[in-house]
Amino acid sequence: MNAYIEMEENTKSLADYIGIIKRRWKKMIAPSLAVFVLMFLVAMLWPATYRSTATILIEQQQVP
């Protein structure tokens, strides 16, 4: 019976998670912004490495 009461006290609701985000949003913004800027710079500065080739076969039309 005690284990059930302890487990019930440890569960968190949506309001608890929203409260956590409201209290710590400044600490979440800095790493998120740093990762975004890093990925943006990698995307812009990475040299283009995709190369495509194609062969076109041109034949005269054959009318019966």
Protein backbone atom coordinates (compact mmCIF):
# COMPACT_ATOMS: atom_id res chain seq x y z
CA MET A 1 0.00 0.00 0.00
CA ASN A 2 2.86 2.41 0.79
CA ALA A 3 4.46 1.76 -2.62
CA TYR A 4 1.24 2.83 -4.35
CA ILE A 5 1.09 6.07 -2.37
CA GLU A 6 4.75 6.84 -3.13
CA MET A 7 4.24 6.14 -6.83
CA GLU A 8 1.20 8.40 -6.90
CA GLU A 9 3.18 11.23 -5.30
CA ASN A 10 6.00 10.89 -7.86
CA THR A 11 3.80 11.26 -10.93
CA LYS A 12 3.84 14.65 -12.61
CA SER A 13 1.00 16.29 -14.45
CA LEU A 14 1.08 18.54 -17.49
CA ALA A 15 0.87 21.57 -15.22
CA ASP A 16 4.07 20.45 -13.47
CA TYR A 17 5.95 20.26 -16.79
CA ILE A 18 4.61 23.64 -17.88
CA GLY A 19 5.81 25.08 -14.58
CA ILE A 20 9.26 23.59 -15.15
CA ILE A 21 9.44 25.17 -18.60
CA LYS A 22 8.26 28.54 -17.28
CA ARG A 23 10.90 28.52 -14.55
CA ARG A 24 13.80 27.36 -16.72
CA TRP A 25 13.08 28.76 -20.19
CA LYS A 26 16.19 30.96 -20.15
CA LYS A 27 18.39 27.94 -19.54
CA MET A 28 16.75 26.11 -22.45
CA ILE A 29 17.05 28.98 -24.93
CA ALA A 30 20.85 29.29 -24.83
CA PRO A 31 21.66 25.66 -25.84
CA SER A 32 18.84 25.60 -28.39
CA LEU A 33 20.03 28.82 -29.99
CA ALA A 34 23.66 27.63 -29.99
CA VAL A 35 22.71 24.37 -31.73
CA PHE A 36 20.58 26.23 -34.28
CA VAL A 37 23.38 28.70 -35.11
CA LEU A 38 25.94 25.88 -35.37
CA MET A 39 23.75 23.83 -37.72
CA PHE A 40 22.98 26.92 -39.81
CA LEU A 41 26.69 27.70 -40.20
CA VAL A 42 27.48 24.09 -41.11
CA ALA A 43 24.72 24.11 -43.74
CA MET A 44 25.92 27.40 -45.27
CA LEU A 45 29.68 26.77 -45.16
CA TRP A 46 29.75 23.09 -46.16
CA PRO A 47 30.99 22.75 -49.75
CA ALA A 48 28.55 21.40 -52.30
CA THR A 49 29.31 17.71 -52.72
CA TYR A 50 26.35 16.47 -54.77
CA ARG A 51 27.20 15.69 -58.37
CA SER A 52 24.81 14.33 -60.96
CA THR A 53 25.46 13.01 -64.45
CA ALA A 54 23.09 11.92 -67.19
CA THR A 55 23.26 10.47 -70.68
CA ILE A 56 20.67 11.38 -73.30
CA LEU A 57 19.98 8.97 -76.14
CA ILE A 58 18.55 10.66 -79.23
CA GLU A 59 17.11 8.46 -81.95
CA GLN A 60 15.38 9.39 -85.19
CA GLN A 61 11.66 8.81 -85.29
CA GLN A 62 10.70 5.57 -87.02
CA VAL A 63 7.39 5.88 -88.93
CA PRO A 64 5.97 2.62 -90.32
